[in-house]
């Protein structure tokens, strides 16, 4: 089972170059790396990344995240996955670009 992280192109490049990603400005402000479950990815894209080009979706293996992965109430009281450590390149199962088509991001199969 996977959880997901959306990265901008520069953030993806930093992860690739450094082997770790401490988080976006919002992540660092909140003290954890914001993640999404499969059913939450589309809503996260609409709410926080609408119309942005150059995005990447990373699938992360939950078992590799260990105790640093916590599910906490967020938007509307729904539980979202939060990572309380930097994201490591070794956590990534796969990464896929999120191209725009008619102003909406095209998602890969998340099953």
N, C-alpha and C. Protein backbone atom coordinates (compact mmCIF):
# COMPACT_ATOMS: atom_id res chain seq x y z
N UNK A 1 0.84 -1.18 0.00
CA UNK A 1 0.00 0.00 0.00
C UNK A 1 0.89 1.24 0.00
N UNK A 2 0.44 2.26 -0.70
CA UNK A 2 1.24 3.48 -0.84
C UNK A 2 0.50 4.71 -0.34
N UNK A 3 1.28 5.70 0.01
CA UNK A 3 0.80 7.06 0.19
C UNK A 3 1.55 7.90 -0.84
N UNK A 4 1.11 9.14 -1.04
CA UNK A 4 1.60 9.90 -2.17
C UNK A 4 2.04 11.30 -1.77
N UNK A 5 3.06 11.79 -2.49
CA UNK A 5 3.56 13.16 -2.32
C UNK A 5 3.60 13.82 -3.68
N UNK A 6 3.10 15.03 -3.76
CA UNK A 6 3.17 15.83 -4.98
C UNK A 6 4.34 16.79 -4.84
N UNK A 7 5.22 16.78 -5.83
CA UNK A 7 6.39 17.66 -5.82
C UNK A 7 6.40 18.54 -7.06
N UNK A 8 6.89 19.75 -6.88
CA UNK A 8 7.17 20.62 -8.02
C UNK A 8 8.50 20.16 -8.62
N UNK A 9 8.76 20.56 -9.86
CA UNK A 9 9.95 20.08 -10.57
C UNK A 9 11.24 20.37 -9.80
N UNK A 10 11.37 21.55 -9.23
CA UNK A 10 12.58 21.90 -8.48
C UNK A 10 12.72 21.04 -7.23
N UNK A 11 11.60 20.72 -6.59
CA UNK A 11 11.64 19.86 -5.41
C UNK A 11 12.04 18.44 -5.78
N UNK A 12 11.53 17.97 -6.91
CA UNK A 12 11.91 16.62 -7.40
C UNK A 12 13.40 16.59 -7.71
N UNK A 13 13.91 17.65 -8.34
CA UNK A 13 15.33 17.72 -8.67
C UNK A 13 16.17 17.71 -7.39
N UNK A 14 15.73 18.41 -6.37
CA UNK A 14 16.46 18.44 -5.10
C UNK A 14 16.47 17.05 -4.45
N UNK A 15 15.35 16.35 -4.48
CA UNK A 15 15.29 14.99 -3.94
C UNK A 15 16.26 14.08 -4.70
N UNK A 16 16.26 14.20 -6.01
CA UNK A 16 17.16 13.36 -6.81
C UNK A 16 18.62 13.68 -6.54
N UNK A 17 18.93 14.96 -6.39
CA UNK A 17 20.33 15.37 -6.20
C UNK A 17 20.84 15.06 -4.79
N UNK A 18 19.99 15.27 -3.79
CA UNK A 18 20.42 15.15 -2.40
C UNK A 18 20.04 13.81 -1.75
N UNK A 19 19.11 13.09 -2.39
CA UNK A 19 18.67 11.82 -1.82
C UNK A 19 17.66 11.96 -0.71
N UNK A 20 17.24 13.19 -0.43
CA UNK A 20 16.24 13.46 0.61
C UNK A 20 15.58 14.79 0.35
N UNK A 21 14.41 14.97 0.91
CA UNK A 21 13.64 16.20 0.74
C UNK A 21 13.01 16.54 2.09
N UNK A 22 13.41 17.68 2.65
CA UNK A 22 12.92 18.09 3.97
C UNK A 22 11.51 18.66 3.91
N UNK A 23 11.00 18.90 2.71
CA UNK A 23 9.64 19.38 2.58
C UNK A 23 9.55 20.75 1.92
N UNK A 24 8.35 21.05 1.47
CA UNK A 24 8.07 22.37 0.89
C UNK A 24 8.04 23.41 2.01
N UNK A 25 7.88 24.66 1.65
CA UNK A 25 7.77 25.72 2.66
C UNK A 25 6.59 25.42 3.59
N UNK A 26 5.48 24.95 3.04
CA UNK A 26 4.32 24.61 3.88
C UNK A 26 4.63 23.44 4.80
N UNK A 27 5.33 22.43 4.29
CA UNK A 27 5.71 21.28 5.12
C UNK A 27 6.58 21.73 6.28
N UNK A 28 7.60 22.51 5.97
CA UNK A 28 8.53 22.96 7.02
C UNK A 28 7.81 23.84 8.05
N UNK A 29 6.88 24.68 7.59
CA UNK A 29 6.11 25.52 8.51
C UNK A 29 5.29 24.66 9.47
N UNK A 30 4.69 23.58 8.95
CA UNK A 30 3.81 22.75 9.75
C UNK A 30 4.55 21.68 10.55
N UNK A 31 5.82 21.44 10.24
CA UNK A 31 6.62 20.49 11.00
C UNK A 31 6.52 19.05 10.54
N UNK A 32 5.97 18.83 9.36
CA UNK A 32 5.87 17.48 8.79
C UNK A 32 5.67 17.60 7.29
N UNK A 33 5.92 16.50 6.58
CA UNK A 33 5.73 16.44 5.14
C UNK A 33 4.29 15.99 4.88
N UNK A 34 3.53 16.85 4.20
CA UNK A 34 2.14 16.55 3.86
C UNK A 34 2.10 15.47 2.78
N UNK A 35 1.31 14.43 3.01
CA UNK A 35 1.12 13.36 2.06
C UNK A 35 -0.38 13.19 1.82
N UNK A 36 -0.72 12.34 0.87
CA UNK A 36 -2.12 12.03 0.58
C UNK A 36 -2.28 10.54 0.38
N UNK A 37 -3.46 10.03 0.77
CA UNK A 37 -3.86 8.67 0.40
C UNK A 37 -4.31 8.73 -1.05
N UNK A 38 -4.45 7.59 -1.69
CA UNK A 38 -4.82 7.55 -3.10
C UNK A 38 -6.10 8.33 -3.38
N UNK A 39 -7.11 8.18 -2.54
CA UNK A 39 -8.38 8.85 -2.79
C UNK A 39 -8.33 10.36 -2.50
N UNK A 40 -7.24 10.85 -1.93
CA UNK A 40 -7.10 12.26 -1.60
C UNK A 40 -6.26 13.05 -2.60
N UNK A 41 -5.54 12.35 -3.48
CA UNK A 41 -4.59 13.02 -4.38
C UNK A 41 -5.29 14.06 -5.27
N UNK A 42 -6.38 13.68 -5.89
CA UNK A 42 -7.06 14.59 -6.81
C UNK A 42 -7.51 15.87 -6.09
N UNK A 43 -8.07 15.74 -4.91
CA UNK A 43 -8.48 16.91 -4.14
C UNK A 43 -7.31 17.78 -3.73
N UNK A 44 -6.20 17.17 -3.37
CA UNK A 44 -5.00 17.93 -3.02
C UNK A 44 -4.49 18.71 -4.22
N UNK A 45 -4.50 18.07 -5.38
CA UNK A 45 -4.08 18.78 -6.61
C UNK A 45 -4.98 19.99 -6.87
N UNK A 46 -6.28 19.79 -6.79
CA UNK A 46 -7.22 20.90 -7.05
C UNK A 46 -7.04 22.02 -6.06
N UNK A 47 -6.87 21.69 -4.80
CA UNK A 47 -6.83 22.70 -3.74
C UNK A 47 -5.50 23.46 -3.68
N UNK A 48 -4.39 22.75 -3.89
CA UNK A 48 -3.08 23.37 -3.65
C UNK A 48 -2.21 23.54 -4.89
N UNK A 49 -2.56 22.89 -6.01
CA UNK A 49 -1.69 22.90 -7.18
C UNK A 49 -2.44 23.18 -8.48
N UNK A 50 -3.62 23.73 -8.41
CA UNK A 50 -4.46 23.93 -9.59
C UNK A 50 -3.71 24.68 -10.69
N UNK A 51 -3.69 24.10 -11.87
CA UNK A 51 -3.09 24.74 -13.04
C UNK A 51 -1.59 24.75 -13.09
N UNK A 52 -0.91 24.22 -12.08
CA UNK A 52 0.56 24.23 -12.06
C UNK A 52 1.12 23.18 -13.00
N UNK A 53 2.10 23.57 -13.76
CA UNK A 53 2.79 22.62 -14.64
C UNK A 53 4.05 22.12 -13.95
N UNK A 54 4.59 21.03 -14.47
CA UNK A 54 5.85 20.50 -13.98
C UNK A 54 5.76 19.74 -12.68
N UNK A 55 4.58 19.24 -12.33
CA UNK A 55 4.42 18.50 -11.08
C UNK A 55 4.75 17.02 -11.26
N UNK A 56 5.13 16.41 -10.15
CA UNK A 56 5.42 14.97 -10.10
C UNK A 56 4.62 14.36 -8.96
N UNK A 57 4.16 13.14 -9.17
CA UNK A 57 3.52 12.37 -8.13
C UNK A 57 4.43 11.23 -7.74
N UNK A 58 4.74 11.14 -6.45
CA UNK A 58 5.60 10.08 -5.94
C UNK A 58 4.76 9.14 -5.09
N UNK A 59 4.90 7.85 -5.33
CA UNK A 59 4.28 6.83 -4.49
C UNK A 59 5.32 6.39 -3.47
N UNK A 60 4.92 6.37 -2.21
CA UNK A 60 5.83 6.01 -1.12
C UNK A 60 5.31 4.75 -0.44
N UNK A 61 6.19 3.82 -0.18
CA UNK A 61 5.81 2.59 0.50
C UNK A 61 5.59 2.87 1.98
N UNK A 62 4.37 2.66 2.45
CA UNK A 62 4.05 2.95 3.85
C UNK A 62 4.96 2.20 4.80
N UNK A 63 5.29 0.95 4.47
CA UNK A 63 6.12 0.17 5.39
C UNK A 63 7.53 0.73 5.53
N UNK A 64 8.01 1.46 4.55
CA UNK A 64 9.34 2.07 4.65
C UNK A 64 9.33 3.33 5.53
N UNK A 65 8.16 3.88 5.76
CA UNK A 65 8.06 5.13 6.52
C UNK A 65 8.00 4.89 8.02
N UNK A 66 7.63 3.68 8.42
CA UNK A 66 7.64 3.31 9.83
C UNK A 66 6.81 4.21 10.71
N UNK A 67 7.30 4.41 11.94
CA UNK A 67 6.59 5.21 12.93
C UNK A 67 6.56 6.70 12.60
N UNK A 68 7.36 7.12 11.62
CA UNK A 68 7.36 8.53 11.24
C UNK A 68 6.09 8.91 10.47
N UNK A 69 5.34 7.91 10.00
CA UNK A 69 4.08 8.14 9.30
C UNK A 69 2.94 8.13 10.31
N UNK A 70 2.20 9.24 10.34
CA UNK A 70 1.05 9.35 11.25
C UNK A 70 -0.15 9.86 10.47
N UNK A 71 -1.31 9.35 10.80
CA UNK A 71 -2.57 9.79 10.19
C UNK A 71 -3.22 10.76 11.17
N UNK A 72 -3.45 11.99 10.68
CA UNK A 72 -3.99 13.03 11.55
C UNK A 72 -5.13 13.75 10.84
N UNK A 73 -6.07 14.23 11.65
CA UNK A 73 -7.20 14.98 11.11
C UNK A 73 -6.71 16.27 10.45
N UNK A 74 -7.27 16.54 9.30
CA UNK A 74 -6.90 17.74 8.55
C UNK A 74 -8.16 18.32 7.94
N UNK A 75 -8.11 18.59 6.65
CA UNK A 75 -9.21 19.20 5.91
C UNK A 75 -10.54 18.52 6.23
N UNK A 76 -11.46 19.28 6.80
CA UNK A 76 -12.79 18.75 7.11
C UNK A 76 -12.80 17.61 8.10
N UNK A 77 -11.73 17.45 8.87
CA UNK A 77 -11.66 16.39 9.86
C UNK A 77 -11.19 15.05 9.30
N UNK A 78 -10.96 14.98 7.98
CA UNK A 78 -10.50 13.73 7.38
C UNK A 78 -9.05 13.46 7.76
N UNK A 79 -8.72 12.20 8.00
CA UNK A 79 -7.35 11.82 8.35
C UNK A 79 -6.47 11.80 7.11
N UNK A 80 -5.37 12.52 7.18
CA UNK A 80 -4.38 12.57 6.11
C UNK A 80 -3.06 12.01 6.65
N UNK A 81 -2.26 11.39 5.78
CA UNK A 81 -0.95 10.91 6.22
C UNK A 81 0.05 12.06 6.29
N UNK A 82 0.80 12.10 7.38
CA UNK A 82 1.85 13.10 7.58
C UNK A 82 3.14 12.37 7.92
N UNK A 83 4.24 12.82 7.34
CA UNK A 83 5.55 12.20 7.57
C UNK A 83 6.39 13.11 8.44
N UNK A 84 6.77 12.61 9.61
CA UNK A 84 7.52 13.40 10.58
C UNK A 84 9.02 13.11 10.49
N UNK A 85 9.53 13.19 9.30
CA UNK A 85 10.96 13.14 9.01
C UNK A 85 11.11 13.51 7.54
N UNK A 86 12.32 13.81 7.10
CA UNK A 86 12.50 14.10 5.67
C UNK A 86 12.12 12.89 4.82
N UNK A 87 11.67 13.17 3.64
CA UNK A 87 11.39 12.15 2.64
C UNK A 87 12.71 11.69 2.06
N UNK A 88 12.95 10.40 2.06
CA UNK A 88 14.19 9.82 1.54
C UNK A 88 13.94 9.23 0.16
N UNK A 89 14.92 9.31 -0.72
CA UNK A 89 14.79 8.73 -2.05
C UNK A 89 14.43 7.25 -1.97
N UNK A 90 14.92 6.55 -0.96
CA UNK A 90 14.64 5.12 -0.79
C UNK A 90 13.18 4.85 -0.45
N UNK A 91 12.43 5.87 -0.03
CA UNK A 91 11.01 5.71 0.28
C UNK A 91 10.16 5.61 -0.99
N UNK A 92 10.69 6.09 -2.11
CA UNK A 92 9.92 6.24 -3.34
C UNK A 92 9.84 4.90 -4.08
N UNK A 93 8.61 4.46 -4.33
CA UNK A 93 8.36 3.24 -5.08
C UNK A 93 8.35 3.56 -6.57
N UNK A 94 7.67 4.64 -6.94
CA UNK A 94 7.66 5.12 -8.32
C UNK A 94 7.33 6.61 -8.33
N UNK A 95 7.67 7.24 -9.44
CA UNK A 95 7.36 8.65 -9.65
C UNK A 95 6.83 8.81 -11.07
N UNK A 96 5.84 9.68 -11.21
CA UNK A 96 5.24 9.91 -12.52
C UNK A 96 4.94 11.40 -12.69
N UNK A 97 5.16 11.92 -13.89
CA UNK A 97 4.80 13.32 -14.14
C UNK A 97 3.29 13.48 -14.11
N UNK A 98 2.84 14.68 -13.80
CA UNK A 98 1.42 15.01 -13.78
C UNK A 98 1.13 16.07 -14.83
N UNK A 99 0.99 15.65 -16.08
CA UNK A 99 0.74 16.63 -17.14
C UNK A 99 -0.65 17.25 -17.01
N UNK A 100 -0.80 18.43 -17.57
CA UNK A 100 -2.09 19.10 -17.60
C UNK A 100 -2.79 18.79 -18.91
N UNK A 101 -4.09 18.51 -18.83
CA UNK A 101 -4.92 18.37 -20.02
C UNK A 101 -6.21 19.13 -19.73
N UNK A 102 -6.47 20.12 -20.56
CA UNK A 102 -7.66 20.97 -20.36
C UNK A 102 -7.69 21.57 -18.96
N UNK A 103 -6.51 21.95 -18.45
CA UNK A 103 -6.41 22.61 -17.16
C UNK A 103 -6.45 21.70 -15.94
N UNK A 104 -6.54 20.38 -16.16
CA UNK A 104 -6.56 19.44 -15.05
C UNK A 104 -5.41 18.47 -15.14
N UNK A 105 -4.90 18.06 -14.00
CA UNK A 105 -3.78 17.13 -13.97
C UNK A 105 -4.26 15.72 -14.33
N UNK A 106 -3.47 15.04 -15.14
CA UNK A 106 -3.76 13.67 -15.53
C UNK A 106 -3.01 12.74 -14.58
N UNK A 107 -3.77 11.95 -13.85
CA UNK A 107 -3.19 11.05 -12.85
C UNK A 107 -2.89 9.68 -13.44
N UNK A 108 -1.80 9.07 -13.01
CA UNK A 108 -1.56 7.66 -13.35
C UNK A 108 -2.50 6.79 -12.50
N UNK A 109 -2.54 5.52 -12.79
CA UNK A 109 -3.32 4.59 -11.96
C UNK A 109 -2.69 4.53 -10.57
N UNK A 110 -3.49 4.71 -9.55
CA UNK A 110 -2.98 4.75 -8.18
C UNK A 110 -3.22 3.45 -7.42
N UNK A 111 -3.89 2.49 -8.05
CA UNK A 111 -4.23 1.22 -7.40
C UNK A 111 -3.07 0.55 -6.81
